[in-house]
Amino acid sequence: MLFFDTTFAQVVGIAVALVIGITFHEFSHAFTADQLGDHRPRALGRVSLSPTAHIDPIGALVFVLAGFGWGKPVPVNVYALRPGRVGMAMVAAAGPIANVIVAVLAAVVFRVMNIAGVGGFALEVMYFVVLYNLLLAVFNLLPIPPLDGYNVVLAFVPARTAFTIQRYSQYGVLLLLLLVFLPGSPLGVMFDIVEAGTRILIGA
């Protein structure tokens, strides 16, 4: 999805979803890590709902241009977490879970607005807030580094296997780029699922 192919309502919806979705996503990582014993995110000011603490300019630009993006990664020390690698999985999962919660709350607002007869631009913006928060959640659960799904899966494989997998983590970004820009990419199925989920949430 390119910026110039979108409607104005979609651009606004993306912007709102970006600010709210990534802020809550990264805050949830930081808050969960802090609660599990790693207080470095708090010391760095990441246990905050201020968008400036979490928005990455390049990630935001890619989000607008391609429909996916990222925030500033929250530095987490797995050795400070309780209970170790499982704690890391909990920290990783917290971000996508936060996006699902935001999507559900936005869907409730959408339904209330729809019942109240509010339509047009405002309703379309809210639709895209639901859609792109679900997209953030599902995309980040892919088990490819540096996405959250990778850290979730890594916590439940044998330590020796995890060490071997980590040796190839540097190639994760290349794989993601290939999946995103490859014609006929299997990510198309993911987008279809997200769109279907959005319609279910808003009652369409």
N, C-alpha and C. Protein backbone atom coordinates (compact mmCIF):
# COMPACT_ATOMS: atom_id res chain seq x y z
N MET A 1 0.83 -1.18 0.00
CA MET A 1 0.00 0.00 0.00
C MET A 1 0.87 1.24 0.00
N LEU A 2 0.74 2.06 -1.01
CA LEU A 2 1.55 3.26 -1.11
C LEU A 2 0.74 4.47 -0.69
N PHE A 3 1.43 5.46 -0.18
CA PHE A 3 0.80 6.67 0.35
C PHE A 3 -0.13 7.31 -0.67
N PHE A 4 0.33 7.40 -1.93
CA PHE A 4 -0.48 8.11 -2.90
C PHE A 4 -1.67 7.29 -3.40
N ASP A 5 -1.81 6.05 -2.98
CA ASP A 5 -2.96 5.24 -3.35
C ASP A 5 -4.07 5.32 -2.31
N THR A 6 -3.87 6.03 -1.24
CA THR A 6 -4.82 6.03 -0.14
C THR A 6 -5.73 7.24 -0.19
N THR A 7 -6.88 7.11 0.49
CA THR A 7 -7.77 8.25 0.67
C THR A 7 -7.26 9.08 1.84
N PHE A 8 -7.77 10.31 1.96
CA PHE A 8 -7.36 11.16 3.07
C PHE A 8 -7.77 10.54 4.40
N ALA A 9 -8.96 9.95 4.44
CA ALA A 9 -9.42 9.30 5.68
C ALA A 9 -8.49 8.15 6.07
N GLN A 10 -7.99 7.43 5.06
CA GLN A 10 -7.08 6.33 5.36
C GLN A 10 -5.75 6.85 5.89
N VAL A 11 -5.26 7.93 5.33
CA VAL A 11 -4.01 8.52 5.82
C VAL A 11 -4.17 8.96 7.26
N VAL A 12 -5.28 9.63 7.57
CA VAL A 12 -5.54 10.05 8.95
C VAL A 12 -5.68 8.83 9.86
N GLY A 13 -6.41 7.81 9.38
CA GLY A 13 -6.57 6.59 10.16
C GLY A 13 -5.25 5.91 10.45
N ILE A 14 -4.36 5.88 9.44
CA ILE A 14 -3.03 5.31 9.62
C ILE A 14 -2.26 6.10 10.67
N ALA A 15 -2.33 7.44 10.57
CA ALA A 15 -1.60 8.29 11.51
C ALA A 15 -2.07 8.07 12.94
N VAL A 16 -3.40 8.01 13.11
CA VAL A 16 -3.96 7.80 14.46
C VAL A 16 -3.58 6.41 14.96
N ALA A 17 -3.72 5.40 14.08
CA ALA A 17 -3.36 4.04 14.46
C ALA A 17 -1.89 3.94 14.81
N LEU A 18 -1.05 4.67 14.06
CA LEU A 18 0.38 4.68 14.30
C LEU A 18 0.71 5.21 15.69
N VAL A 19 0.16 6.39 15.99
CA VAL A 19 0.47 7.03 17.26
C VAL A 19 -0.06 6.20 18.43
N ILE A 20 -1.32 5.81 18.35
CA ILE A 20 -1.93 5.05 19.46
C ILE A 20 -1.37 3.64 19.52
N GLY A 21 -1.37 2.96 18.36
CA GLY A 21 -0.98 1.55 18.33
C GLY A 21 0.46 1.32 18.74
N ILE A 22 1.40 2.05 18.14
CA ILE A 22 2.81 1.84 18.47
C ILE A 22 3.11 2.30 19.89
N THR A 23 2.47 3.39 20.33
CA THR A 23 2.70 3.86 21.70
C THR A 23 2.30 2.79 22.71
N PHE A 24 1.10 2.24 22.56
CA PHE A 24 0.65 1.21 23.50
C PHE A 24 1.43 -0.08 23.34
N HIS A 25 1.84 -0.38 22.11
CA HIS A 25 2.63 -1.59 21.85
C HIS A 25 3.95 -1.54 22.61
N GLU A 26 4.71 -0.45 22.43
CA GLU A 26 6.01 -0.36 23.08
C GLU A 26 5.89 -0.13 24.58
N PHE A 27 4.89 0.64 25.00
CA PHE A 27 4.65 0.82 26.43
C PHE A 27 4.40 -0.53 27.11
N SER A 28 3.63 -1.39 26.45
CA SER A 28 3.32 -2.70 27.04
C SER A 28 4.56 -3.56 27.18
N HIS A 29 5.46 -3.50 26.18
CA HIS A 29 6.75 -4.20 26.32
C HIS A 29 7.48 -3.69 27.56
N ALA A 30 7.61 -2.37 27.66
CA ALA A 30 8.38 -1.76 28.75
C ALA A 30 7.74 -2.03 30.10
N PHE A 31 6.42 -1.88 30.19
CA PHE A 31 5.72 -2.09 31.46
C PHE A 31 5.85 -3.54 31.92
N THR A 32 5.68 -4.48 30.99
CA THR A 32 5.77 -5.90 31.35
C THR A 32 7.18 -6.25 31.80
N ALA A 33 8.19 -5.76 31.09
CA ALA A 33 9.58 -6.01 31.49
C ALA A 33 9.84 -5.45 32.87
N ASP A 34 9.34 -4.25 33.13
CA ASP A 34 9.53 -3.61 34.44
C ASP A 34 8.89 -4.44 35.55
N GLN A 35 7.69 -4.95 35.29
CA GLN A 35 6.99 -5.75 36.29
C GLN A 35 7.66 -7.10 36.53
N LEU A 36 8.39 -7.58 35.52
CA LEU A 36 9.04 -8.88 35.65
C LEU A 36 10.49 -8.78 36.14
N GLY A 37 10.92 -7.56 36.48
CA GLY A 37 12.22 -7.43 37.13
C GLY A 37 13.29 -6.66 36.38
N ASP A 38 13.07 -6.35 35.09
CA ASP A 38 14.05 -5.58 34.35
C ASP A 38 13.63 -4.10 34.38
N HIS A 39 14.33 -3.30 35.17
CA HIS A 39 13.93 -1.91 35.37
C HIS A 39 14.65 -0.94 34.44
N ARG A 40 15.43 -1.46 33.51
CA ARG A 40 16.12 -0.57 32.57
C ARG A 40 15.15 0.21 31.68
N PRO A 41 14.07 -0.43 31.16
CA PRO A 41 13.12 0.37 30.37
C PRO A 41 12.55 1.56 31.13
N ARG A 42 12.28 1.39 32.42
CA ARG A 42 11.78 2.52 33.23
C ARG A 42 12.85 3.60 33.36
N ALA A 43 14.09 3.18 33.57
CA ALA A 43 15.19 4.15 33.71
C ALA A 43 15.39 4.94 32.42
N LEU A 44 15.05 4.33 31.29
CA LEU A 44 15.20 4.99 29.99
C LEU A 44 13.95 5.77 29.58
N GLY A 45 12.96 5.81 30.47
CA GLY A 45 11.76 6.58 30.19
C GLY A 45 10.78 5.89 29.26
N ARG A 46 10.88 4.56 29.13
CA ARG A 46 10.02 3.85 28.19
C ARG A 46 8.71 3.37 28.83
N VAL A 47 8.63 3.37 30.16
CA VAL A 47 7.36 3.03 30.81
C VAL A 47 6.52 4.31 30.81
N SER A 48 6.09 4.69 29.64
CA SER A 48 5.40 5.97 29.44
C SER A 48 4.42 5.84 28.29
N LEU A 49 3.32 6.58 28.36
CA LEU A 49 2.35 6.61 27.28
C LEU A 49 2.54 7.83 26.40
N SER A 50 3.70 8.47 26.50
CA SER A 50 4.02 9.59 25.62
C SER A 50 4.49 9.04 24.28
N PRO A 51 3.84 9.41 23.18
CA PRO A 51 4.26 8.90 21.85
C PRO A 51 5.71 9.22 21.53
N THR A 52 6.23 10.34 22.02
CA THR A 52 7.60 10.71 21.70
C THR A 52 8.62 9.72 22.26
N ALA A 53 8.22 8.96 23.27
CA ALA A 53 9.12 7.98 23.86
C ALA A 53 9.22 6.72 23.01
N HIS A 54 8.28 6.53 22.07
CA HIS A 54 8.18 5.25 21.39
C HIS A 54 8.18 5.32 19.86
N ILE A 55 7.81 6.46 19.28
CA ILE A 55 7.70 6.54 17.82
C ILE A 55 9.08 6.65 17.18
N ASP A 56 9.35 5.78 16.22
CA ASP A 56 10.58 5.82 15.45
C ASP A 56 10.26 6.48 14.11
N PRO A 57 10.96 7.57 13.74
CA PRO A 57 10.62 8.30 12.51
C PRO A 57 10.65 7.43 11.26
N ILE A 58 11.66 6.58 11.13
CA ILE A 58 11.77 5.73 9.94
C ILE A 58 10.66 4.68 9.95
N GLY A 59 10.43 4.08 11.12
CA GLY A 59 9.36 3.09 11.23
C GLY A 59 8.00 3.70 10.93
N ALA A 60 7.81 4.96 11.34
CA ALA A 60 6.55 5.65 11.08
C ALA A 60 6.38 5.91 9.59
N LEU A 61 7.46 6.32 8.92
CA LEU A 61 7.40 6.58 7.49
C LEU A 61 7.08 5.31 6.71
N VAL A 62 7.73 4.21 7.08
CA VAL A 62 7.47 2.94 6.41
C VAL A 62 6.03 2.51 6.63
N PHE A 63 5.51 2.78 7.84
CA PHE A 63 4.12 2.43 8.15
C PHE A 63 3.18 3.13 7.18
N VAL A 64 3.42 4.41 6.94
CA VAL A 64 2.57 5.19 6.04
C VAL A 64 2.71 4.70 4.60
N LEU A 65 3.93 4.36 4.19
CA LEU A 65 4.18 3.97 2.80
C LEU A 65 3.78 2.53 2.49
N ALA A 66 3.99 1.64 3.45
CA ALA A 66 3.82 0.21 3.16
C ALA A 66 2.73 -0.46 3.97
N GLY A 67 2.18 0.23 4.98
CA GLY A 67 1.11 -0.37 5.77
C GLY A 67 1.60 -1.18 6.96
N PHE A 68 2.90 -1.22 7.18
CA PHE A 68 3.45 -1.85 8.38
C PHE A 68 4.60 -0.97 8.85
N GLY A 69 4.98 -1.13 10.10
CA GLY A 69 6.06 -0.29 10.62
C GLY A 69 6.49 -0.73 12.00
N TRP A 70 7.22 0.10 12.68
CA TRP A 70 7.74 -0.27 13.98
C TRP A 70 7.99 0.98 14.81
N GLY A 71 8.13 0.78 16.11
CA GLY A 71 8.51 1.85 17.02
C GLY A 71 9.95 1.64 17.46
N LYS A 72 10.38 2.49 18.39
CA LYS A 72 11.72 2.31 18.96
C LYS A 72 11.73 1.03 19.79
N PRO A 73 12.64 0.10 19.51
CA PRO A 73 12.67 -1.14 20.28
C PRO A 73 12.94 -0.85 21.76
N VAL A 74 12.26 -1.59 22.62
CA VAL A 74 12.49 -1.47 24.06
C VAL A 74 13.63 -2.41 24.45
N PRO A 75 14.74 -1.88 24.98
CA PRO A 75 15.84 -2.75 25.38
C PRO A 75 15.46 -3.58 26.61
N VAL A 76 15.60 -4.89 26.49
CA VAL A 76 15.21 -5.79 27.57
C VAL A 76 16.36 -6.75 27.86
N ASN A 77 16.67 -6.91 29.14
CA ASN A 77 17.70 -7.85 29.58
C ASN A 77 17.01 -9.13 30.05
N VAL A 78 17.07 -10.17 29.23
CA VAL A 78 16.38 -11.42 29.54
C VAL A 78 16.85 -12.02 30.86
N TYR A 79 18.11 -11.77 31.23
CA TYR A 79 18.65 -12.35 32.46
C TYR A 79 18.12 -11.66 33.72
N ALA A 80 17.51 -10.50 33.55
CA ALA A 80 16.93 -9.80 34.70
C ALA A 80 15.46 -10.13 34.88
N LEU A 81 14.90 -10.86 33.94
CA LEU A 81 13.46 -11.14 33.97
C LEU A 81 13.14 -12.37 34.80
N ARG A 82 11.96 -12.35 35.38
CA ARG A 82 11.41 -13.53 36.03
C ARG A 82 10.26 -14.02 35.13
N PRO A 83 10.22 -15.25 34.68
CA PRO A 83 11.21 -16.31 34.89
C PRO A 83 12.06 -16.54 33.64
N GLY A 84 13.04 -15.74 33.44
CA GLY A 84 14.01 -15.95 32.37
C GLY A 84 13.42 -15.87 30.97
N ARG A 85 13.67 -16.92 30.19
CA ARG A 85 13.24 -16.91 28.79
C ARG A 85 11.72 -16.85 28.65
N VAL A 86 11.00 -17.48 29.57
CA VAL A 86 9.54 -17.40 29.54
C VAL A 86 9.09 -15.96 29.80
N GLY A 87 9.82 -15.28 30.68
CA GLY A 87 9.53 -13.86 30.92
C GLY A 87 9.73 -13.05 29.66
N MET A 88 10.74 -13.38 28.85
CA MET A 88 10.97 -12.69 27.60
C MET A 88 9.82 -12.91 26.64
N ALA A 89 9.26 -14.11 26.63
CA ALA A 89 8.11 -14.39 25.79
C ALA A 89 6.91 -13.55 26.23
N MET A 90 6.75 -13.37 27.53
CA MET A 90 5.65 -12.56 28.04
C MET A 90 5.82 -11.09 27.65
N VAL A 91 7.07 -10.61 27.72
CA VAL A 91 7.36 -9.24 27.31
C VAL A 91 7.06 -9.07 25.82
N ALA A 92 7.50 -10.03 25.01
CA ALA A 92 7.30 -9.95 23.56
C ALA A 92 5.82 -9.99 23.21
N ALA A 93 5.07 -10.86 23.87
CA ALA A 93 3.65 -11.00 23.56
C ALA A 93 2.83 -9.80 23.99
N ALA A 94 3.33 -9.05 24.97
CA ALA A 94 2.57 -7.92 25.51
C ALA A 94 2.26 -6.87 24.45
N GLY A 95 3.18 -6.66 23.51
CA GLY A 95 2.98 -5.65 22.48
C GLY A 95 1.81 -5.96 21.56
N PRO A 96 1.81 -7.14 20.90
CA PRO A 96 0.67 -7.50 20.05
C PRO A 96 -0.64 -7.57 20.81
N ILE A 97 -0.61 -8.05 22.05
CA ILE A 97 -1.84 -8.10 22.85
C ILE A 97 -2.39 -6.69 23.05
N ALA A 98 -1.51 -5.73 23.30
CA ALA A 98 -1.94 -4.34 23.47
C ALA A 98 -2.62 -3.84 22.21
N ASN A 99 -2.08 -4.20 21.03
CA ASN A 99 -2.70 -3.76 19.77
C ASN A 99 -4.08 -4.38 19.56
N VAL A 100 -4.24 -5.62 19.98
CA VAL A 100 -5.56 -6.25 19.88
C VAL A 100 -6.55 -5.52 20.78
N ILE A 101 -6.13 -5.17 21.99
CA ILE A 101 -7.00 -4.45 22.92
C ILE A 101 -7.39 -3.09 22.33
N VAL A 102 -6.42 -2.38 21.75
CA VAL A 102 -6.71 -1.09 21.12
C VAL A 102 -7.71 -1.27 19.98
N ALA A 103 -7.52 -2.33 19.17
CA ALA A 103 -8.41 -2.59 18.05
C ALA A 103 -9.84 -2.87 18.54
N VAL A 104 -9.96 -3.65 19.60
CA VAL A 104 -11.29 -3.97 20.15
C VAL A 104 -11.97 -2.72 20.68
N LEU A 105 -11.22 -1.90 21.42
CA LEU A 105 -11.80 -0.65 21.95
C LEU A 105 -12.20 0.29 20.82
N ALA A 106 -11.37 0.38 19.77
CA ALA A 106 -11.70 1.22 18.62
C ALA A 106 -12.93 0.68 17.90
N ALA A 107 -13.07 -0.64 17.86
CA ALA A 107 -14.26 -1.24 17.24
C ALA A 107 -15.52 -0.91 18.02
N VAL A 108 -15.41 -0.88 19.35
CA VAL A 108 -16.56 -0.49 20.18
C VAL A 108 -16.96 0.94 19.87
N VAL A 109 -15.96 1.82 19.76
CA VAL A 109 -16.23 3.23 19.42
C VAL A 109 -16.88 3.31 18.04
N PHE A 110 -16.38 2.51 17.10
CA PHE A 110 -16.96 2.48 15.74
C PHE A 110 -18.44 2.12 15.81
N ARG A 111 -18.76 1.07 16.56
CA ARG A 111 -20.15 0.62 16.64
C ARG A 111 -21.05 1.67 17.29
N VAL A 112 -20.53 2.32 18.34
CA VAL A 112 -21.31 3.36 19.01
C VAL A 112 -21.55 4.53 18.05
N MET A 113 -20.50 4.92 17.33
CA MET A 113 -20.65 6.00 16.35
C MET A 113 -21.65 5.63 15.27
N ASN A 114 -21.60 4.39 14.83
CA ASN A 114 -22.50 3.92 13.78
C ASN A 114 -23.96 3.95 14.25
N ILE A 115 -24.16 3.49 15.48
CA ILE A 115 -25.51 3.49 16.06
C ILE A 115 -26.02 4.92 16.22
N ALA A 116 -25.11 5.82 16.58
CA ALA A 116 -25.48 7.22 16.80
C ALA A 116 -25.68 7.98 15.49
N GLY A 117 -25.41 7.30 14.38
CA GLY A 117 -25.61 7.95 13.09
C GLY A 117 -24.43 8.76 12.60
N VAL A 118 -23.30 8.60 13.29
CA VAL A 118 -22.09 9.29 12.84
C VAL A 118 -21.48 8.50 11.70
N GLY A 119 -21.27 9.12 10.58
CA GLY A 119 -20.74 8.40 9.43
C GLY A 119 -19.66 9.17 8.72
N GLY A 120 -19.45 8.81 7.47
CA GLY A 120 -18.51 9.55 6.65
C GLY A 120 -17.08 9.45 7.13
N PHE A 121 -16.41 10.59 7.14
CA PHE A 121 -14.98 10.66 7.41
C PHE A 121 -14.60 10.07 8.77
N ALA A 122 -15.31 10.46 9.83
CA ALA A 122 -14.97 10.01 11.18
C ALA A 122 -15.08 8.50 11.32
N LEU A 123 -16.13 7.93 10.74
CA LEU A 123 -16.33 6.49 10.83
C LEU A 123 -15.26 5.75 10.03
N GLU A 124 -14.88 6.31 8.88
CA GLU A 124 -13.85 5.69 8.06
C GLU A 124 -12.50 5.71 8.77
N VAL A 125 -12.19 6.81 9.44
CA VAL A 125 -10.95 6.90 10.20
C VAL A 125 -10.92 5.82 11.28
N MET A 126 -12.04 5.67 12.00
CA MET A 126 -12.08 4.68 13.07
C MET A 126 -11.93 3.26 12.52
N TYR A 127 -12.47 3.02 11.34
CA TYR A 127 -12.30 1.71 10.70
C TYR A 127 -10.82 1.40 10.50
N PHE A 128 -10.08 2.37 10.00
CA PHE A 128 -8.66 2.14 9.74
C PHE A 128 -7.86 2.01 11.03
N VAL A 129 -8.31 2.65 12.11
CA VAL A 129 -7.64 2.47 13.41
C VAL A 129 -7.76 1.01 13.85
N VAL A 130 -8.96 0.44 13.67
CA VAL A 130 -9.15 -0.98 13.99
C VAL A 130 -8.28 -1.86 13.09
N LEU A 131 -8.35 -1.59 11.79
CA LEU A 131 -7.64 -2.41 10.81
C LEU A 131 -6.14 -2.43 11.06
N TYR A 132 -5.54 -1.25 11.24
CA TYR A 132 -4.08 -1.20 11.33
C TYR A 132 -3.55 -1.63 12.69
N ASN A 133 -4.37 -1.55 13.73
CA ASN A 133 -3.93 -2.12 15.00
C ASN A 133 -3.96 -3.64 14.95
N LEU A 134 -4.97 -4.20 14.29
CA LEU A 134 -4.95 -5.65 14.09
C LEU A 134 -3.77 -6.06 13.23
N LEU A 135 -3.48 -5.25 12.22
CA LEU A 135 -2.34 -5.56 11.35
C LEU A 135 -1.03 -5.53 12.13
N LEU A 136 -0.87 -4.54 13.00
CA LEU A 136 0.32 -4.47 13.85
C LEU A 136 0.45 -5.72 14.71
N ALA A 137 -0.67 -6.15 15.28
CA ALA A 137 -0.65 -7.32 16.16
C ALA A 137 -0.26 -8.58 15.40
N VAL A 138 -0.93 -8.83 14.29
CA VAL A 138 -0.70 -10.07 13.54
C VAL A 138 0.69 -10.06 12.91
N PHE A 139 1.07 -8.95 12.30
CA PHE A 139 2.39 -8.87 11.66
C PHE A 139 3.50 -9.10 12.68
N ASN A 140 3.37 -8.50 13.86
CA ASN A 140 4.42 -8.65 14.87
C ASN A 140 4.48 -10.04 15.48
N LEU A 141 3.45 -10.84 15.28
CA LEU A 141 3.47 -12.21 15.79
C LEU A 141 4.13 -13.20 14.83
N LEU A 142 4.54 -12.74 13.65
CA LEU A 142 5.28 -13.62 12.76
C LEU A 142 6.59 -14.03 13.44
N PRO A 143 6.95 -15.31 13.39
CA PRO A 143 8.15 -15.79 14.10
C PRO A 143 9.44 -15.51 13.32
N ILE A 144 9.63 -14.24 12.95
CA ILE A 144 10.80 -13.82 12.18
C ILE A 144 11.49 -12.69 12.94
N PRO A 145 12.80 -12.79 13.19
CA PRO A 145 13.48 -11.69 13.87
C PRO A 145 13.49 -10.44 13.00
N PRO A 146 13.31 -9.26 13.58
CA PRO A 146 13.26 -8.95 15.01
C PRO A 146 11.84 -8.82 15.56
N LEU A 147 10.86 -9.46 14.94
CA LEU A 147 9.47 -9.32 15.37
C LEU A 147 9.22 -10.05 16.68
N ASP A 148 8.12 -9.69 17.34
CA ASP A 148 7.82 -10.24 18.66
C ASP A 148 7.58 -11.74 18.62
N GLY A 149 6.98 -12.23 17.54
CA GLY A 149 6.71 -13.66 17.45
C GLY A 149 7.97 -14.49 17.53
N TYR A 150 9.08 -13.95 17.02
CA TYR A 150 10.37 -14.64 17.09
C TYR A 150 10.78 -14.86 18.54
N ASN A 151 10.66 -13.81 19.37
CA ASN A 151 11.05 -13.93 20.78
C ASN A 151 10.10 -14.81 21.57
N VAL A 152 8.84 -14.87 21.16
CA VAL A 152 7.89 -15.76 21.82
C VAL A 152 8.27 -17.21 21.55
N VAL A 153 8.50 -17.54 20.28
CA VAL A 153 8.85 -18.91 19.90
C VAL A 153 10.20 -19.30 20.50
N LEU A 154 11.16 -18.39 20.48
CA LEU A 154 12.51 -18.67 20.96
C LEU A 154 12.52 -19.11 22.43
N ALA A 155 11.56 -18.62 23.18
CA ALA A 155 11.52 -18.93 24.62
C ALA A 155 11.12 -20.37 24.90
N PHE A 156 10.51 -21.03 23.91
CA PHE A 156 9.97 -22.36 24.18
C PHE A 156 10.68 -23.48 23.42
N VAL A 157 11.79 -23.16 22.77
CA VAL A 157 12.60 -24.20 22.15
C VAL A 157 13.79 -24.49 23.07
N PRO A 158 14.40 -25.66 22.96
CA PRO A 158 15.57 -25.96 23.80
C PRO A 158 16.65 -24.89 23.65
N ALA A 159 17.37 -24.64 24.74
CA ALA A 159 18.37 -23.58 24.76
C ALA A 159 19.40 -23.73 23.64
N ARG A 160 19.80 -24.97 23.37
CA ARG A 160 20.79 -25.20 22.31
C ARG A 160 20.22 -24.83 20.95
N THR A 161 18.95 -25.20 20.73
CA THR A 161 18.29 -24.85 19.47
C THR A 161 18.14 -23.34 19.35
N ALA A 162 17.78 -22.69 20.47
CA ALA A 162 17.63 -21.24 20.46
C ALA A 162 18.94 -20.55 20.09
N PHE A 163 20.05 -21.08 20.61
CA PHE A 163 21.36 -20.49 20.30
C PHE A 163 21.65 -20.62 18.81
N THR A 164 21.32 -21.77 18.22
CA THR A 164 21.56 -21.98 16.79
C THR A 164 20.71 -21.04 15.96
N ILE A 165 19.44 -20.89 16.33
CA ILE A 165 18.53 -20.02 15.60
C ILE A 165 19.02 -18.57 15.66
N GLN A 166 19.50 -18.16 16.83
CA GLN A 166 19.94 -16.77 17.01
C GLN A 166 21.12 -16.42 16.11
N ARG A 167 21.90 -17.41 15.73
CA ARG A 167 23.04 -17.16 14.84
C ARG A 167 22.59 -16.62 13.49
N TYR A 168 21.35 -16.92 13.10
CA TYR A 168 20.84 -16.50 11.79
C TYR A 168 19.85 -15.34 11.89
N SER A 169 19.71 -14.78 13.09
CA SER A 169 18.70 -13.73 13.29
C SER A 169 18.99 -12.47 12.46
N GLN A 170 20.28 -12.27 12.10
CA GLN A 170 20.64 -11.08 11.33
C GLN A 170 20.00 -11.06 9.95
N TYR A 171 19.54 -12.21 9.49
CA TYR A 171 18.94 -12.29 8.16
C TYR A 171 17.42 -12.08 8.20
N GLY A 172 16.90 -11.89 9.39
CA GLY A 172 15.46 -11.75 9.55
C GLY A 172 14.89 -10.56 8.80
N VAL A 173 15.58 -9.42 8.86
CA VAL A 173 15.10 -8.21 8.19
C VAL A 173 15.04 -8.43 6.68
N LEU A 174 16.04 -9.10 6.12
CA LEU A 174 16.04 -9.39 4.69
C LEU A 174 14.85 -10.26 4.31
N LEU A 175 14.55 -11.24 5.15
CA LEU A 175 13.41 -12.12 4.89
C LEU A 175 12.10 -11.34 4.95
N LEU A 176 12.00 -10.43 5.91
CA LEU A 176 10.79 -9.61 6.02
C LEU A 176 10.60 -8.73 4.79
N LEU A 177 11.69 -8.10 4.36
CA LEU A 177 11.61 -7.25 3.17
C LEU A 177 11.19 -8.06 1.95
N LEU A 178 11.71 -9.27 1.86
CA LEU A 178 11.36 -10.14 0.75
C LEU A 178 9.87 -10.49 0.80
N LEU A 179 9.37 -10.81 1.98
CA LEU A 179 7.96 -11.16 2.13
C LEU A 179 7.05 -9.98 1.82
N VAL A 180 7.48 -8.77 2.23
CA VAL A 180 6.64 -7.58 2.05
C VAL A 180 6.55 -7.18 0.59
N PHE A 181 7.68 -7.22 -0.11
CA PHE A 181 7.71 -6.67 -1.46
C PHE A 181 7.67 -7.71 -2.58
N LEU A 182 7.70 -8.99 -2.22
CA LEU A 182 7.64 -10.04 -3.22
C LEU A 182 6.24 -10.11 -3.83
N PRO A 183 6.14 -10.05 -5.17
CA PRO A 183 4.82 -10.19 -5.81
C PRO A 183 4.18 -11.53 -5.45
N GLY A 184 2.91 -11.51 -5.10
CA GLY A 184 2.24 -12.74 -4.69
C GLY A 184 2.69 -13.24 -3.35
N SER A 185 3.17 -12.34 -2.49
CA SER A 185 3.67 -12.71 -1.17
C SER A 185 2.59 -13.41 -0.33
N PRO A 186 2.99 -14.41 0.46
CA PRO A 186 2.03 -15.06 1.36
C PRO A 186 1.47 -14.11 2.41
N LEU A 187 2.10 -12.93 2.56
CA LEU A 187 1.55 -11.96 3.49
C LEU A 187 0.18 -11.46 3.04
N GLY A 188 -0.14 -11.66 1.75
CA GLY A 188 -1.47 -11.29 1.27
C GLY A 188 -2.56 -12.03 2.03
N VAL A 189 -2.29 -13.29 2.40
CA VAL A 189 -3.25 -14.06 3.19
C VAL A 189 -3.43 -13.42 4.55
N MET A 190 -2.33 -12.95 5.13
CA MET A 190 -2.40 -12.28 6.42
C MET A 190 -3.28 -11.03 6.35
N PHE A 191 -3.10 -10.24 5.29
CA PHE A 191 -3.91 -9.03 5.13
C PHE A 191 -5.39 -9.38 4.99
N ASP A 192 -5.68 -10.46 4.27
CA ASP A 192 -7.08 -10.90 4.11
C ASP A 192 -7.68 -11.29 5.46
N ILE A 193 -6.88 -11.98 6.27
CA ILE A 193 -7.35 -12.39 7.60
C ILE A 193 -7.61 -11.17 8.48
N VAL A 194 -6.70 -10.19 8.42
CA VAL A 194 -6.86 -8.98 9.20
C VAL A 194 -8.11 -8.22 8.78
N GLU A 195 -8.34 -8.12 7.49
CA GLU A 195 -9.54 -7.43 6.99
C GLU A 195 -10.80 -8.14 7.44
N ALA A 196 -10.78 -9.47 7.40
CA ALA A 196 -11.94 -10.25 7.86
C ALA A 196 -12.16 -10.03 9.35
N GLY A 197 -11.08 -10.04 10.13
CA GLY A 197 -11.19 -9.79 11.56
C GLY A 197 -11.73 -8.41 11.88
N THR A 198 -11.32 -7.43 11.08
CA THR A 198 -11.81 -6.07 11.27
C THR A 198 -13.31 -6.00 11.03
N ARG A 199 -13.77 -6.64 9.96
CA ARG A 199 -15.21 -6.64 9.66
C ARG A 199 -16.02 -7.29 10.77
N ILE A 200 -15.46 -8.36 11.34
CA ILE A 200 -16.15 -9.04 12.45
C ILE A 200 -16.25 -8.11 13.66
N LEU A 201 -15.13 -7.43 13.99
CA LEU A 201 -15.11 -6.55 15.16
C LEU A 201 -16.10 -5.39 15.03
N ILE A 202 -16.18 -4.81 13.84
CA ILE A 202 -17.05 -3.63 13.67
C ILE A 202 -18.48 -4.02 13.31
N GLY A 203 -18.71 -5.34 13.12
CA GLY A 203 -20.07 -5.79 12.82
C GLY A 203 -20.51 -5.54 11.41
N ALA A 204 -19.55 -5.49 10.49
CA ALA A 204 -19.89 -5.21 9.09
C ALA A 204 -20.26 -6.49 8.36
